[in-house]
C-alpha atoms as a PDB file:
ATOM      1  CA  MET A   1      98.117 116.218  56.505  1.00  0.00           C
ATOM      2  CA  MET A   2     101.617 115.528  55.226  1.00  0.00           C
ATOM      3  CA  SER A   3     102.966 111.989  54.988  1.00  0.00           C
ATOM      4  CA  MET A   4     105.774 111.028  57.355  1.00  0.00           C
ATOM      5  CA  GLY A   5     107.076 108.279  55.101  1.00  0.00           C
ATOM      6  CA  ALA A   6     110.494 109.704  54.209  1.00  0.00           C
ATOM      7  CA  GLU A   7     111.084 111.237  57.629  1.00  0.00           C
ATOM      8  CA  TYR A   8     110.101 108.042  59.407  1.00  0.00           C
ATOM      9  CA  ALA A   9     112.327 105.944  57.159  1.00  0.00           C
ATOM     10  CA  ALA A  10     115.287 108.231  57.901  1.00  0.00           C
ATOM     11  CA  PHE A  11     114.586 108.054  61.642  1.00  0.00           C
ATOM     12  CA  ARG A  12     114.362 104.246  61.577  1.00  0.00           C
ATOM     13  CA  ALA A  13     117.611 103.978  59.630  1.00  0.00           C
ATOM     14  CA  GLY A  14     119.459 106.176  62.114  1.00  0.00           C
ATOM     15  CA  SER A  15     117.888 104.876  65.327  1.00  0.00           C
ATOM     16  CA  GLY A  16     118.303 101.163  64.749  1.00  0.00           C
ATOM     17  CA  ALA A  17     121.716 101.131  66.415  1.00  0.00           C
ATOM     18  CA  TRP A  18     120.648 102.807  69.657  1.00  0.00           C
ATOM     19  CA  LEU A  19     116.865 102.569  70.128  1.00  0.00           C
ATOM     20  CA  LYS A  20     115.657  99.432  71.876  1.00  0.00           C
ATOM     21  CA  ILE A  21     111.930  98.697  71.793  1.00  0.00           C
ATOM     22  CA  HIS A  22     110.326  97.156  74.886  1.00  0.00           C
ATOM     23  CA  ARG A  23     106.753  95.890  74.694  1.00  0.00           C
ATOM     24  CA  SER A  24     104.545  95.298  77.718  1.00  0.00           C
ATOM     25  CA  TYR A  25     101.014  93.929  77.935  1.00  0.00           C
ATOM     26  CA  GLY A  26      98.327  94.142  80.601  1.00  0.00           C
ATOM     27  CA  ILE A  27      97.160  96.740  83.084  1.00  0.00           C
ATOM     28  CA  ALA A  28      99.830  95.827  85.666  1.00  0.00           C
ATOM     29  CA  ALA A  29     102.557  96.215  83.038  1.00  0.00           C
ATOM     30  CA  VAL A  30     101.212  99.630  82.032  1.00  0.00           C
ATOM     31  CA  GLU A  31     101.331 100.768  85.663  1.00  0.00           C
ATOM     32  CA  GLN A  32     104.816  99.323  86.222  1.00  0.00           C
ATOM     33  CA  THR A  33     106.203 100.890  83.048  1.00  0.00           C
ATOM     34  CA  TYR A  34     104.611 104.264  83.791  1.00  0.00           C
ATOM     35  CA  GLN A  35     106.032 104.327  87.324  1.00  0.00           C
ATOM     36  CA  ALA A  36     109.505 103.344  86.101  1.00  0.00           C
ATOM     37  CA  VAL A  37     109.512 106.105  83.455  1.00  0.00           C
ATOM     38  CA  LEU A  38     108.128 108.631  85.946  1.00  0.00           C
ATOM     39  CA  ALA A  39     110.856 107.756  88.463  1.00  0.00           C
ATOM     40  CA  GLY A  40     113.598 108.032  85.834  1.00  0.00           C
ATOM     41  CA  LYS A  41     114.490 104.334  86.065  1.00  0.00           C
ATOM     42  CA  THR A  42     114.326 103.595  82.346  1.00  0.00           C
ATOM     43  CA  ASP A  43     117.109 103.970  79.832  1.00  0.00           C
ATOM     44  CA  ALA A  44     116.730 106.976  77.538  1.00  0.00           C
ATOM     45  CA  ALA A  45     117.371 104.656  74.570  1.00  0.00           C
ATOM     46  CA  SER A  46     114.396 102.521  75.573  1.00  0.00           C
ATOM     47  CA  GLY A  47     111.182 102.920  73.574  1.00  0.00           C
ATOM     48  CA  GLN A  48     108.270 101.771  75.714  1.00  0.00           C
ATOM     49  CA  ILE A  49     105.248 100.359  73.908  1.00  0.00           C
ATOM     50  CA  VAL A  50     102.509  99.400  76.347  1.00  0.00           C
ATOM     51  CA  SER A  51      99.102  97.866  75.774  1.00  0.00           C
ATOM     52  CA  MET A  52      96.307  97.393  78.265  1.00  0.00           C
ATOM     53  CA  TRP A  53      95.326  94.210  76.428  1.00  0.00           C
ATOM     54  CA  PRO A  54      96.564  91.213  78.420  1.00  0.00           C
ATOM     55  CA  THR A  55      98.295  89.511  75.472  1.00  0.00           C
ATOM     56  CA  LYS A  56      99.710  90.308  72.052  1.00  0.00           C
END
């Protein structure tokens, strides 16, 4: 498998101005985030990171 190091670094450098990361925790948050994305209610510049664990 090829390393993504250089490609990832280039992506991070270019996306920092427009990509906003949103983190959610817990089963209810996973459901809420999924439904919002499915319904088209999230911003395209929003990166959703969800975890079923209740806390960080």
